[in-house]
Protein backbone atom coordinates (compact mmCIF):
# COMPACT_ATOMS: atom_id res chain seq x y z
CA MET A 1 110.08 118.14 128.69
CA ILE A 2 108.50 115.23 126.81
CA ASN A 3 110.01 114.59 123.39
CA ILE A 4 107.50 113.30 120.84
CA PHE A 5 108.02 111.43 117.60
CA MET A 6 105.00 112.42 115.45
CA SER A 7 103.97 109.76 112.92
CA GLY A 8 101.71 111.17 110.24
CA CYS A 9 103.06 114.63 110.99
CA ASN A 10 102.08 116.10 107.64
CA GLY A 11 98.47 114.96 107.76
CA ARG A 12 95.61 117.08 109.07
CA MET A 13 95.75 115.87 112.66
CA GLY A 14 99.55 115.73 112.64
CA GLN A 15 99.67 119.39 111.74
CA VAL A 16 97.12 120.23 114.46
CA ILE A 17 99.22 118.41 117.05
CA SER A 18 102.35 120.15 115.75
CA ARG A 19 100.75 123.57 116.20
CA LEU A 20 99.51 122.74 119.71
CA VAL A 21 102.87 121.34 120.81
CA SER A 22 104.68 124.42 119.47
CA GLN A 23 102.69 126.49 122.00
CA SER A 24 103.63 124.23 124.94
CA GLU A 25 106.61 124.44 127.24
CA ASP A 26 106.09 120.84 128.41
CA PHE A 27 106.22 119.06 125.05
CA ASN A 28 108.50 119.06 122.03
CA ILE A 29 108.23 117.28 118.70
CA ALA A 30 111.74 115.97 118.18
CA ALA A 31 111.00 114.48 114.74
CA GLY A 32 108.23 113.32 112.48
CA PHE A 33 107.50 110.49 110.10
CA ASP A 34 105.46 110.86 106.94
CA LEU A 35 105.68 109.63 103.37
CA ASN A 36 104.70 113.15 102.31
CA ASP A 37 107.71 115.37 102.98
CA SER A 38 106.43 118.44 101.12
CA ILE A 39 105.47 120.40 104.25
CA ASN A 40 108.14 122.48 105.97
CA ASN A 41 108.17 121.61 109.70
CA PRO A 42 110.35 123.02 112.49
CA TYR A 43 111.61 119.48 113.14
CA PRO A 44 113.16 116.81 110.90
CA VAL A 45 110.70 114.60 109.01
CA TYR A 46 111.74 111.08 108.03
CA THR A 47 110.20 109.20 105.13
CA ASN A 48 112.01 106.04 106.15
CA LEU A 49 112.03 104.90 109.79
CA ASN A 50 115.32 103.06 109.27
CA ASN A 51 117.02 106.46 108.94
CA CYS A 52 115.81 107.69 112.33
CA ASN A 53 117.75 106.95 115.49
CA LEU A 54 116.61 109.77 117.78
CA LYS A 55 115.86 109.22 121.46
CA VAL A 56 112.22 110.17 122.15
CA ASP A 57 109.83 109.64 125.04
CA VAL A 58 106.71 108.70 123.10
CA ILE A 59 105.43 108.09 119.58
CA ILE A 60 102.09 109.57 118.57
CA ASP A 61 100.61 108.06 115.43
CA PHE A 62 98.02 109.76 113.23
CA SER A 63 99.20 108.11 110.04
CA ASN A 64 97.77 105.26 108.00
CA PRO A 65 97.17 101.59 108.86
CA ALA A 66 99.64 100.65 106.12
CA ALA A 67 102.44 102.24 108.18
CA LEU A 68 101.55 100.42 111.40
CA ASP A 69 103.78 97.36 110.97
CA SER A 70 107.00 99.31 110.40
CA LEU A 71 106.06 101.85 113.09
CA LEU A 72 105.49 99.12 115.69
CA GLN A 73 108.78 97.48 114.73
CA TYR A 74 110.52 100.84 115.24
CA ALA A 75 108.78 101.43 118.59
CA THR A 76 109.51 97.98 119.99
CA LYS A 77 113.13 98.05 118.82
CA ALA A 78 113.63 101.46 120.48
CA SER A 79 111.47 100.52 123.52
CA VAL A 80 109.31 103.61 123.12
CA PRO A 81 105.66 103.81 124.25
CA ILE A 82 103.22 104.51 121.45
CA VAL A 83 99.84 106.24 121.17
CA ILE A 84 97.84 104.96 118.18
CA ALA A 85 95.16 107.32 116.91
CA THR A 86 95.04 106.01 113.37
CA THR A 87 91.61 104.97 112.13
CA GLY A 88 90.62 102.11 109.86
CA LEU A 89 92.63 99.41 111.62
CA THR A 90 91.96 95.82 110.59
CA GLN A 91 91.88 92.78 112.84
CA ALA A 92 95.41 92.00 111.67
CA ASN A 93 96.46 95.51 112.80
CA MET A 94 94.78 94.93 116.16
CA ASN A 95 96.71 91.67 116.50
CA MET A 96 99.96 93.57 115.83
CA LEU A 97 99.05 96.06 118.56
CA GLU A 98 98.36 93.19 120.97
CA THR A 99 101.75 91.64 120.22
CA ALA A 100 103.56 94.98 120.58
CA SER A 101 101.78 95.68 123.88
CA LYS A 102 103.65 92.75 125.42
CA LYS A 103 106.91 94.61 124.85
CA ILE A 104 106.02 98.33 125.09
CA PRO A 105 103.15 100.42 126.43
CA VAL A 106 100.48 100.83 123.73
CA PHE A 107 97.54 103.19 123.99
CA ARG A 108 94.97 103.03 121.21
CA SER A 109 92.27 105.63 120.94
CA ALA A 110 89.19 105.95 118.79
CA ASN A 111 89.13 108.80 116.31
CA MET A 112 90.37 111.99 118.00
CA SER A 113 89.34 114.48 115.34
CA LEU A 114 87.26 117.40 116.58
CA GLY A 115 84.36 116.68 114.22
CA VAL A 116 84.04 113.03 115.24
CA ASN A 117 84.26 113.83 118.94
CA LEU A 118 81.67 116.60 118.59
CA LEU A 119 79.36 114.17 116.78
CA ILE A 120 79.83 111.53 119.51
CA ASP A 121 79.00 114.13 122.18
CA LEU A 122 75.88 115.26 120.30
CA VAL A 123 74.68 111.66 119.90
CA LYS A 124 75.12 111.05 123.64
CA LYS A 125 73.12 114.20 124.45
CA ALA A 126 70.38 113.27 121.97
CA ALA A 127 70.17 109.75 123.38
CA LYS A 128 69.58 111.15 126.89
CA VAL A 129 66.85 113.52 125.68
CA LEU A 130 65.11 110.99 123.42
CA GLU A 131 65.61 107.93 125.62
């Protein structure tokens, strides 16, 4: 079983991932991180990364660019691979990812929301038809 640390767990995409993982036998969300702790999750949610010392296999981040620095510090200190799906990253954020990638595996993805991916797919289809 793969244990996940879900950053941005109480946001829209974090809650989608939480629901999907709850239906899987191969994955488990061991804990979450979010400044908003008003949602009741079946796993502990930390508002301060310094209070978390769980052993996880991967961090998935759907949070906010403002959280990236502390999240990367946490990931590199714990030697945990990280998947970054946060949008709105600046060049400074990209530089932080580059630095972190020298110490831990880093996978950064474009926006993973259903609406954005549907729009990208429609644009590709329209481009083929309209050439």
